[in-house]
Amino acid sequence: MTTHAIDQPQTLTTPGWSTRRSLFAYATYCETIKLLRTPGFVIPSLLFPSLLFLMFGLPNLNSHVEGIGAGAYIMVSFGGYITMLIGLI
């Protein structure tokens, strides 16, 4: 058994920001595709808030409460609901 001298120590390199960003984008894409294939995820997280917005948001689309558009406020509220729901799954 022989040993060889190492000329330079090997260092670990971390991926650059562009590589990390592309890995994060790919992981996000894969998770989204995985979740969209599950009907138990799609129905409550996409269809239910959309139905609620159609029932409550569209009739109030042009009304304003204290200078804030009620339709936009309801849409943002349901967006927060979707985000919270996805976090719980």
Protein backbone atom coordinates (compact mmCIF):
# COMPACT_ATOMS: atom_id res chain seq x y z
CA MET A 1 0.00 0.00 0.00
CA THR A 2 1.40 3.32 -1.02
CA THR A 3 0.43 6.81 -0.09
CA HIS A 4 0.49 9.82 -2.35
CA ALA A 5 1.10 13.35 -1.29
CA ILE A 6 -1.67 15.83 -1.98
CA ASP A 7 -0.38 18.99 -3.57
CA GLN A 8 -3.27 21.27 -2.58
CA PRO A 9 -5.98 20.69 -0.04
CA GLN A 10 -9.38 20.15 -1.58
CA THR A 11 -11.92 22.76 -0.57
CA LEU A 12 -15.65 22.54 -0.84
CA THR A 13 -17.19 25.22 -2.97
CA THR A 14 -20.67 26.50 -2.41
CA PRO A 15 -22.90 27.05 -5.41
CA GLY A 16 -23.31 30.63 -6.59
CA TRP A 17 -26.53 32.62 -6.32
CA SER A 18 -27.65 31.76 -9.84
CA THR A 19 -27.24 28.04 -9.16
CA ARG A 20 -29.10 28.33 -5.86
CA ARG A 21 -31.87 30.31 -7.49
CA SER A 22 -32.28 27.75 -10.25
CA LEU A 23 -32.26 24.87 -7.73
CA PHE A 24 -34.89 26.67 -5.65
CA ALA A 25 -37.02 27.31 -8.74
CA TYR A 26 -36.76 23.66 -9.78
CA ALA A 27 -37.64 22.44 -6.27
CA THR A 28 -40.61 24.81 -6.17
CA TYR A 29 -41.75 23.56 -9.58
CA CYS A 30 -41.47 19.91 -8.48
CA GLU A 31 -43.43 20.55 -5.26
CA THR A 32 -46.14 22.42 -7.17
CA ILE A 33 -46.53 19.59 -9.67
CA LYS A 34 -46.62 17.05 -6.83
CA LEU A 35 -49.32 18.97 -4.98
CA LEU A 36 -51.41 19.61 -8.10
CA ARG A 37 -51.58 15.86 -8.69
CA THR A 38 -53.29 15.44 -5.33
CA PRO A 39 -57.04 16.17 -5.55
CA GLY A 40 -57.23 16.64 -1.78
CA PHE A 41 -54.93 19.63 -2.19
CA VAL A 42 -56.38 21.18 -5.35
CA ILE A 43 -60.02 21.31 -4.26
CA PRO A 44 -59.63 23.07 -0.90
CA SER A 45 -56.74 25.32 -1.83
CA LEU A 46 -57.72 26.51 -5.30
CA LEU A 47 -61.40 25.92 -5.93
CA PHE A 48 -62.82 26.81 -2.52
CA PRO A 49 -61.23 30.30 -2.25
CA SER A 50 -62.09 30.98 -5.89
CA LEU A 51 -65.70 30.07 -5.22
CA LEU A 52 -65.76 32.29 -2.14
CA PHE A 53 -64.34 35.19 -4.14
CA LEU A 54 -66.96 34.68 -6.84
CA MET A 55 -69.72 34.73 -4.21
CA PHE A 56 -68.48 37.60 -2.02
CA GLY A 57 -65.78 39.48 -3.93
CA LEU A 58 -67.37 40.08 -7.32
CA PRO A 59 -70.56 41.69 -5.98
CA ASN A 60 -68.41 44.11 -3.94
CA LEU A 61 -65.80 44.73 -6.64
CA ASN A 62 -66.57 48.43 -7.15
CA SER A 63 -67.48 49.35 -3.56
CA HIS A 64 -65.04 51.16 -1.27
CA VAL A 65 -64.69 51.06 2.51
CA GLU A 66 -62.72 53.97 3.97
CA GLY A 67 -60.87 54.51 0.69
CA ILE A 68 -59.92 50.85 0.21
CA GLY A 69 -61.46 48.84 -2.58
CA ALA A 70 -63.55 46.08 -1.03
CA GLY A 71 -63.02 43.71 -3.96
CA ALA A 72 -59.23 43.99 -3.75
CA TYR A 73 -59.37 43.61 0.04
CA ILE A 74 -61.43 40.44 -0.24
CA MET A 75 -59.12 39.05 -2.91
CA VAL A 76 -56.04 39.66 -0.72
CA SER A 77 -57.85 38.10 2.26
CA PHE A 78 -58.56 34.96 0.29
CA GLY A 79 -54.94 34.94 -0.94
CA GLY A 80 -53.85 34.91 2.71
CA TYR A 81 -56.32 32.10 3.36
CA ILE A 82 -54.79 30.05 0.54
CA THR A 83 -51.27 30.69 1.83
CA MET A 84 -52.24 29.63 5.34
CA LEU A 85 -54.02 26.54 4.01
CA ILE A 86 -51.02 25.47 1.95
CA GLY A 87 -48.77 25.91 4.99
CA LEU A 88 -50.99 23.56 6.98
CA ILE A 89 -50.89 20.79 4.39
